[in-house]
Amino acid sequence: MGLGVGIVGLPNIGKSTTFNALTKAQNAEAQNYPFCTIEPNKAVVPVPDKRLDELAKIVNTDKIQHSTIDFVDIAGLVKGASKGEGLGNQFLSNIREVEVILHMVRCFEDENIVHVEGDINPLRDIEIIEAELIYSDIGQLEKKMEKLKKGAKFDKEAAASLEIAKELAAHLDDLKPVKTFENCEDENFISLNQELRFLSAKTVIYGANVDEDSLVDGNKYVELVKEHALSVDADLVMLCAKIEEELVDMDDEDAKEMLSDLGVEESGLEKIIHTAFDKLGLQSYFTAGVMEVRAWTIPQGCTAPKAAAVIHNDFEKGFIKAEVIAYDDFVTLGGESKAKEAGKLKVEGKDYIVQDGDVVHFRFNV
């Protein structure tokens, strides 16, 4: 799957409710982007971007296509998942296919919703899930080490890989995640990680699921998660999963009014999507014409020819130049013609690094 987000957490913490809201968002916007293959546990979700609406007004088109991001719902994990408890390894293997983990944590009290561990304790819950990820990595690494041992006697590369694997195994045995391994820059480690896709090496976003009353200021449980997130250099997004489901069923004006009444500017889902998009190292550039206004997803630091290839491979092969207008200039001046008159249209070559929000027209010859 590649560039995607896997949602994990214990049962009954709001994970599935969050995913259902994301799925509704995907269905509501389905006409706005092509080729969406939706699997039962996967949602291809549009990335909210108000800039597209502004561009559409200027070029006078009703057709808008958003950038998208993939979310995968991983069935509720339990203690012992790495050894097959619950649905165990079947779902842990799904997490290996994503780049970012959204770790949902219950930060609300509700006597009608039973907690699988008996009480509300977000730090314990986090520890359970993250330990299972580490145990799963240990299992994967042990299998790899058995293979490396056979080749290490005759192959220097295998021997070097085995040595770094032993160091990593000792690190994991102390229940420390792969991301804190001190030799992460070692080429043999990099190769191992590329092959095994260690779960505890992945970027994590914590999703603190709160009740409605805690949505603005949080609560004692959120504070615990926030402190933990800071200690491991992770992002925290606070949301109320029940409210998110309600918001997706509303039209834009009603949703804005509800958010305003709640005292928040952006929905939890929007925060999650934007945070995940950024954590994946992605950005958007735009094409704007009468036929459509569209956001194209590219890695940060992408050159103009590589950005052009996202539209079509021929655009990269026959790249001549890119005509670029910064988003702010395009909107402030009222479109391409006036931006060109004001000297704000720049002609860029193959070395140009496309910036987030650039409005681009590619010239190519095949």
Protein backbone atom coordinates (compact mmCIF):
# COMPACT_ATOMS: atom_id res chain seq x y z
CA MET A 1 0.00 0.00 0.00
CA GLY A 2 2.87 2.39 0.66
CA LEU A 3 1.86 5.91 1.61
CA GLY A 4 -0.99 5.28 4.02
CA VAL A 5 -2.13 5.47 7.62
CA GLY A 6 -3.09 2.46 9.75
CA ILE A 7 -5.50 3.06 12.64
CA VAL A 8 -4.70 0.93 15.70
CA GLY A 9 -5.90 0.71 19.29
CA LEU A 10 -7.59 -1.50 21.84
CA PRO A 11 -11.24 -2.51 21.30
CA ASN A 12 -13.95 -0.03 22.38
CA ILE A 13 -11.80 3.10 22.25
CA GLY A 14 -13.51 4.80 19.28
CA LYS A 15 -11.21 3.50 16.57
CA SER A 16 -13.93 2.01 14.37
CA THR A 17 -16.18 5.04 14.87
CA THR A 18 -13.35 7.25 13.64
CA PHE A 19 -12.77 5.00 10.65
CA ASN A 20 -16.50 4.98 9.86
CA ALA A 21 -16.47 8.77 9.83
CA LEU A 22 -13.47 8.71 7.47
CA THR A 23 -15.30 6.23 5.25
CA LYS A 24 -18.34 8.50 5.11
CA ALA A 25 -16.06 11.39 4.17
CA GLN A 26 -14.65 9.25 1.38
CA ASN A 27 -18.12 8.33 0.11
CA ALA A 28 -19.33 11.91 0.29
CA GLU A 29 -16.44 13.07 -1.91
CA ALA A 30 -16.18 10.01 -4.15
CA GLN A 31 -17.21 11.90 -7.29
CA ASN A 32 -14.30 14.28 -6.84
CA TYR A 33 -11.46 11.90 -7.62
CA PRO A 34 -11.05 8.92 -9.97
CA PHE A 35 -9.87 5.31 -9.68
CA CYS A 36 -10.73 4.70 -6.02
CA THR A 37 -10.61 1.02 -5.20
CA ILE A 38 -12.21 0.73 -1.78
CA GLU A 39 -11.60 -2.43 0.21
CA PRO A 40 -13.71 -3.30 3.30
CA ASN A 41 -11.03 -2.01 5.68
CA LYS A 42 -9.67 0.84 3.56
CA ALA A 43 -10.82 4.40 2.92
CA VAL A 44 -9.30 6.68 0.28
CA VAL A 45 -10.09 10.04 1.84
CA PRO A 46 -9.92 13.50 0.23
CA VAL A 47 -7.55 15.95 1.89
CA PRO A 48 -9.56 19.05 2.87
CA ASP A 49 -8.03 22.11 1.19
CA LYS A 50 -9.88 25.45 1.09
CA ARG A 51 -7.41 26.71 -1.51
CA LEU A 52 -9.12 24.56 -4.14
CA ASP A 53 -12.42 26.39 -3.60
CA GLU A 54 -10.71 29.77 -4.08
CA LEU A 55 -9.05 28.61 -7.29
CA ALA A 56 -12.34 27.20 -8.59
CA LYS A 57 -14.07 30.57 -8.09
CA ILE A 58 -11.37 32.36 -10.07
CA VAL A 59 -11.28 29.98 -13.06
CA ASN A 60 -15.05 29.45 -12.87
CA THR A 61 -15.27 25.67 -12.66
CA ASP A 62 -17.47 23.42 -10.58
CA LYS A 63 -15.19 20.40 -10.86
CA ILE A 64 -12.72 20.03 -8.00
CA GLN A 65 -10.44 17.07 -7.35
CA HIS A 66 -8.66 16.81 -4.02
CA SER A 67 -5.44 15.11 -3.05
CA THR A 68 -6.20 11.88 -1.22
CA ILE A 69 -4.77 9.82 1.61
CA ASP A 70 -5.31 6.12 2.40
CA PHE A 71 -6.54 5.01 5.81
CA VAL A 72 -6.62 1.34 6.84
CA ASP A 73 -8.68 0.14 9.80
CA ILE A 74 -6.84 -2.48 11.83
CA ALA A 75 -9.15 -4.64 13.98
CA GLY A 76 -8.92 -3.89 17.72
CA LEU A 77 -5.69 -5.31 19.06
CA VAL A 78 -5.49 -7.00 22.46
CA LYS A 79 -2.69 -8.09 24.76
CA GLY A 80 -1.07 -11.12 23.12
CA ALA A 81 -1.92 -10.06 19.55
CA SER A 82 1.67 -10.70 18.45
CA LYS A 83 1.20 -14.33 19.55
CA GLY A 84 -2.10 -14.73 17.77
CA GLU A 85 -4.55 -13.55 20.47
CA GLY A 86 -7.70 -12.03 18.98
CA LEU A 87 -7.06 -11.79 15.26
CA GLY A 88 -3.39 -11.25 16.05
CA ASN A 89 -0.77 -11.41 13.35
CA GLN A 90 -3.31 -11.21 10.52
CA PHE A 91 -3.87 -7.56 11.39
CA LEU A 92 -0.37 -6.77 12.56
CA SER A 93 0.77 -7.72 9.06
CA ASN A 94 -1.65 -5.13 7.63
CA ILE A 95 0.07 -2.41 9.64
CA ARG A 96 3.39 -3.26 7.96
CA GLU A 97 1.96 -1.98 4.69
CA VAL A 98 1.45 1.59 5.91
CA GLU A 99 3.93 4.38 6.65
CA VAL A 100 2.19 6.11 9.56
CA ILE A 101 0.25 4.72 12.53
CA LEU A 102 -2.71 6.59 14.01
CA HIS A 103 -2.85 5.21 17.56
CA MET A 104 -6.33 5.86 18.96
CA VAL A 105 -6.50 6.15 22.74
CA ARG A 106 -9.62 6.28 24.90
CA CYS A 107 -9.69 9.47 26.98
CA PHE A 108 -13.32 9.47 28.11
CA GLU A 109 -15.40 7.79 30.78
CA ASP A 110 -18.65 6.04 29.91
CA GLU A 111 -20.03 3.26 32.08
CA ASN A 112 -22.07 2.00 29.12
CA ILE A 113 -18.93 1.24 27.08
CA VAL A 114 -16.85 -1.49 28.69
CA HIS A 115 -13.08 -1.07 28.62
CA VAL A 116 -11.32 -4.29 27.71
CA GLU A 117 -8.81 -3.73 30.56
CA GLY A 118 -11.46 -2.80 33.13
CA ASP A 119 -10.75 0.92 33.62
CA ILE A 120 -9.59 4.07 31.84
CA ASN A 121 -5.80 4.31 31.79
CA PRO A 122 -4.46 5.72 28.49
CA LEU A 123 -0.78 5.22 29.30
CA ARG A 124 -1.33 1.54 30.10
CA ASP A 125 -3.33 1.18 26.88
CA ILE A 126 -0.55 2.79 24.87
CA GLU A 127 2.00 0.51 26.50
CA ILE A 128 -0.05 -2.60 25.63
CA ILE A 129 -0.35 -1.72 21.94
CA GLU A 130 3.24 -0.57 21.55
CA ALA A 131 4.55 -3.67 23.33
CA GLU A 132 2.62 -5.85 20.86
CA LEU A 133 4.21 -3.98 17.96
CA ILE A 134 7.66 -4.60 19.45
CA TYR A 135 6.91 -8.29 20.10
CA SER A 136 5.80 -8.63 16.49
CA ASP A 137 9.05 -7.01 15.33
CA ILE A 138 11.01 -9.44 17.50
CA GLY A 139 9.25 -12.36 15.82
CA GLN A 140 10.01 -11.01 12.35
CA LEU A 141 13.63 -10.33 13.24
CA GLU A 142 14.18 -13.80 14.71
CA LYS A 143 13.00 -15.42 11.49
CA LYS A 144 15.33 -13.21 9.47
CA MET A 145 18.26 -13.96 11.77
CA GLU A 146 17.82 -17.70 11.23
CA LYS A 147 18.22 -17.16 7.50
CA LEU A 148 21.18 -14.84 7.98
CA LYS A 149 22.96 -17.40 10.19
CA LYS A 150 22.94 -19.91 7.34
CA GLY A 151 24.55 -17.47 4.91
CA ALA A 152 26.88 -15.63 7.31
CA LYS A 153 29.59 -18.34 7.09
CA PHE A 154 30.09 -17.76 3.36
CA ASP A 155 28.76 -14.22 2.73
CA LYS A 156 30.32 -11.06 4.22
CA GLU A 157 27.14 -9.04 3.63
CA ALA A 158 25.02 -11.62 5.43
CA ALA A 159 27.52 -11.65 8.30
CA ALA A 160 27.36 -7.84 8.59
CA SER A 161 23.56 -7.93 8.50
CA LEU A 162 23.54 -10.61 11.17
CA GLU A 163 25.67 -8.46 13.49
CA ILE A 164 23.37 -5.46 13.22
CA ALA A 165 20.36 -7.77 13.61
CA LYS A 166 21.80 -9.10 16.88
CA GLU A 167 22.28 -5.54 18.16
CA LEU A 168 18.72 -4.69 17.21
CA ALA A 169 17.39 -7.87 18.83
CA ALA A 170 19.05 -6.91 22.13
CA HIS A 171 17.50 -3.44 21.84
CA LEU A 172 14.02 -4.88 21.22
CA ASP A 173 14.39 -7.39 24.06
CA ASP A 174 14.44 -4.39 26.41
CA LEU A 175 11.03 -3.42 24.94
CA LYS A 176 12.54 -0.40 23.22
CA PRO A 177 11.04 0.48 19.81
CA VAL A 178 13.06 0.21 16.63
CA LYS A 179 12.82 3.99 16.13
CA THR A 180 15.12 4.54 19.16
CA PHE A 181 17.81 2.10 17.94
CA GLU A 182 21.12 3.98 18.00
CA ASN A 183 22.43 2.52 14.73
CA CYS A 184 19.50 3.57 12.55
CA GLU A 185 21.91 5.13 10.01
CA ASP A 186 23.76 1.84 9.45
CA GLU A 187 23.20 0.67 5.86
CA ASN A 188 22.60 -2.91 7.02
CA PHE A 189 19.89 -1.71 9.41
CA ILE A 190 18.32 0.38 6.66
CA SER A 191 18.23 -2.68 4.43
CA LEU A 192 16.63 -4.79 7.21
CA ASN A 193 13.99 -2.14 7.86
CA GLN A 194 13.17 -1.84 4.16
CA GLU A 195 12.64 -5.58 3.97
CA LEU A 196 10.86 -6.24 7.29
CA ARG A 197 9.08 -2.87 7.67
CA PHE A 198 9.37 -2.83 11.44
CA LEU A 199 6.15 -1.73 13.13
CA SER A 200 7.86 0.07 16.01
CA ALA A 201 9.93 2.11 13.53
CA LYS A 202 6.89 3.81 12.04
CA THR A 203 5.82 7.40 12.67
CA VAL A 204 2.99 7.59 15.22
CA ILE A 205 0.16 10.09 15.64
CA TYR A 206 -1.84 9.73 18.85
CA GLY A 207 -5.58 10.29 18.53
CA ALA A 208 -7.08 11.16 21.91
CA ASN A 209 -10.78 10.29 21.74
CA VAL A 210 -12.62 12.50 24.26
CA ASP A 211 -16.21 13.23 25.23
CA GLU A 212 -17.93 16.37 23.94
CA ASP A 213 -17.31 18.33 27.16
CA SER A 214 -13.55 17.81 26.86
CA LEU A 215 -13.23 18.73 23.19
CA VAL A 216 -11.87 22.25 23.73
CA ASP A 217 -9.77 22.03 26.88
CA GLY A 218 -9.11 18.29 27.09
CA ASN A 219 -9.06 16.44 30.41
CA LYS A 220 -6.71 14.63 32.78
CA TYR A 221 -6.43 11.66 30.42
CA VAL A 222 -5.50 13.87 27.45
CA GLU A 223 -2.80 15.54 29.53
CA LEU A 224 -1.21 12.14 30.17
CA VAL A 225 -1.22 11.29 26.46
CA LYS A 226 0.09 14.75 25.56
CA GLU A 227 3.00 14.36 27.96
CA HIS A 228 3.81 10.93 26.53
CA ALA A 229 3.57 12.19 22.94
CA LEU A 230 6.04 14.98 23.72
CA SER A 231 8.46 12.50 25.28
CA VAL A 232 8.55 10.38 22.10
CA ASP A 233 8.39 13.29 19.63
CA ALA A 234 4.95 12.34 18.32
CA ASP A 235 1.94 14.45 17.33
CA LEU A 236 -1.34 14.44 19.25
CA VAL A 237 -4.76 15.11 17.77
CA MET A 238 -7.79 15.46 20.04
CA LEU A 239 -11.22 14.51 18.72
CA CYS A 240 -14.64 13.25 19.73
CA ALA A 241 -15.37 10.31 17.44
CA LYS A 242 -19.14 10.49 17.94
CA ILE A 243 -19.23 14.14 16.90
CA GLU A 244 -17.06 13.39 13.86
CA GLU A 245 -19.67 10.93 12.58
CA GLU A 246 -22.39 13.54 13.02
CA LEU A 247 -20.37 16.20 11.22
CA VAL A 248 -19.81 14.07 8.11
CA ASP A 249 -23.59 13.72 7.63
CA MET A 250 -24.09 17.52 7.69
CA ASP A 251 -23.74 20.04 4.89
CA ASP A 252 -20.83 22.47 5.09
CA GLU A 253 -22.73 25.34 6.69
CA ASP A 254 -24.33 23.21 9.41
CA ALA A 255 -20.99 21.54 10.14
CA LYS A 256 -19.27 24.94 10.47
CA GLU A 257 -22.02 26.13 12.80
CA MET A 258 -21.72 23.02 14.97
CA LEU A 259 -17.94 23.35 15.19
CA SER A 260 -18.33 27.02 16.10
CA ASP A 261 -20.84 26.13 18.83
CA LEU A 262 -18.35 23.57 20.16
CA GLY A 263 -15.59 26.19 20.20
CA VAL A 264 -13.32 24.56 17.61
CA GLU A 265 -12.28 25.75 14.14
CA GLU A 266 -11.45 22.45 12.47
CA SER A 267 -12.91 18.98 12.83
CA GLY A 268 -10.84 16.20 14.36
CA LEU A 269 -10.86 14.31 11.07
CA GLU A 270 -9.45 17.32 9.23
CA LYS A 271 -6.70 17.62 11.85
CA ILE A 272 -5.89 13.92 11.51
CA ILE A 273 -5.82 14.06 7.70
CA HIS A 274 -3.63 17.18 7.59
CA THR A 275 -1.26 15.84 10.26
CA ALA A 276 -0.96 12.47 8.49
CA PHE A 277 -0.40 14.15 5.10
CA ASP A 278 2.43 16.18 6.61
CA LYS A 279 3.92 13.19 8.44
CA LEU A 280 3.98 11.25 5.17
CA GLY A 281 6.17 14.02 3.77
CA LEU A 282 3.58 14.99 1.17
CA GLN A 283 2.39 18.27 -0.30
CA SER A 284 0.07 19.44 -3.07
CA TYR A 285 0.49 21.53 -6.17
CA PHE A 286 -2.45 22.67 -8.29
CA THR A 287 -3.58 22.75 -11.90
CA ALA A 288 -6.39 25.22 -12.53
CA GLY A 289 -8.48 25.46 -15.68
CA VAL A 290 -12.06 25.67 -16.84
CA MET A 291 -12.35 21.91 -17.01
CA GLU A 292 -11.26 21.35 -13.41
CA VAL A 293 -9.20 22.53 -10.48
CA ARG A 294 -7.10 19.73 -9.10
CA ALA A 295 -4.60 19.06 -6.33
CA TRP A 296 -1.74 16.70 -7.19
CA THR A 297 0.09 14.87 -4.42
CA ILE A 298 3.89 14.87 -4.49
CA PRO A 299 6.70 14.28 -1.98
CA GLN A 300 8.16 17.40 -0.40
CA GLY A 301 11.33 18.41 -2.27
CA CYS A 302 10.05 17.07 -5.61
CA THR A 303 11.55 18.49 -8.83
CA ALA A 304 9.33 19.83 -11.61
CA PRO A 305 9.78 16.82 -13.98
CA LYS A 306 8.97 14.37 -11.16
CA ALA A 307 5.92 16.45 -10.23
CA ALA A 308 4.83 16.40 -13.87
CA ALA A 309 5.07 12.59 -13.92
CA VAL A 310 2.26 12.42 -11.36
CA ILE A 311 -0.06 13.68 -14.10
CA HIS A 312 1.42 11.41 -16.78
CA ASN A 313 4.79 9.72 -17.32
CA ASP A 314 5.05 11.40 -20.74
CA PHE A 315 5.11 14.78 -19.00
CA GLU A 316 8.38 13.83 -17.31
CA LYS A 317 9.92 12.22 -20.38
CA GLY A 318 9.23 15.21 -22.60
CA PHE A 319 9.53 17.92 -19.97
CA ILE A 320 10.46 21.33 -21.40
CA LYS A 321 9.50 23.81 -18.69
CA ALA A 322 7.02 24.58 -15.94
CA GLU A 323 5.05 27.81 -15.79
CA VAL A 324 4.57 28.49 -12.09
CA ILE A 325 2.46 30.96 -10.14
CA ALA A 326 2.49 30.95 -6.34
CA TYR A 327 -0.97 30.32 -4.90
CA ASP A 328 -1.12 33.66 -3.04
CA ASP A 329 -0.23 35.57 -6.21
CA PHE A 330 -2.78 33.64 -8.28
CA VAL A 331 -5.58 34.42 -5.82
CA THR A 332 -4.58 38.00 -4.96
CA LEU A 333 -4.20 39.01 -8.60
CA GLY A 334 -7.27 37.10 -9.81
CA GLY A 335 -5.91 34.43 -12.11
CA GLU A 336 -3.19 33.51 -14.61
CA SER A 337 -3.49 36.45 -17.03
CA LYS A 338 -3.24 39.14 -14.38
CA ALA A 339 -0.48 37.27 -12.56
CA LYS A 340 1.47 37.12 -15.84
CA GLU A 341 0.93 40.86 -16.43
CA ALA A 342 2.26 41.54 -12.93
CA GLY A 343 5.37 39.47 -13.62
CA LYS A 344 4.38 36.77 -11.12
CA LEU A 345 4.41 33.88 -13.61
CA LYS A 346 7.83 32.23 -13.49
CA VAL A 347 9.24 29.88 -16.10
CA GLU A 348 11.16 27.11 -14.34
CA GLY A 349 13.41 24.32 -15.59
CA LYS A 350 14.24 20.75 -14.58
CA ASP A 351 15.93 21.70 -11.30
CA TYR A 352 13.01 23.65 -9.89
CA ILE A 353 11.70 22.31 -6.57
CA VAL A 354 7.91 22.51 -6.64
CA GLN A 355 6.48 24.31 -3.61
CA ASP A 356 3.29 23.48 -1.73
CA GLY A 357 0.43 25.42 -3.34
CA ASP A 358 2.18 26.21 -6.63
CA VAL A 359 -0.24 26.59 -9.54
CA VAL A 360 1.60 24.91 -12.42
CA HIS A 361 1.23 24.48 -16.16
CA PHE A 362 3.72 22.05 -17.72
CA ARG A 363 5.11 22.35 -21.22
CA PHE A 364 6.32 19.08 -22.71
CA ASN A 365 7.10 17.42 -26.01
CA VAL A 366 6.88 13.69 -26.70
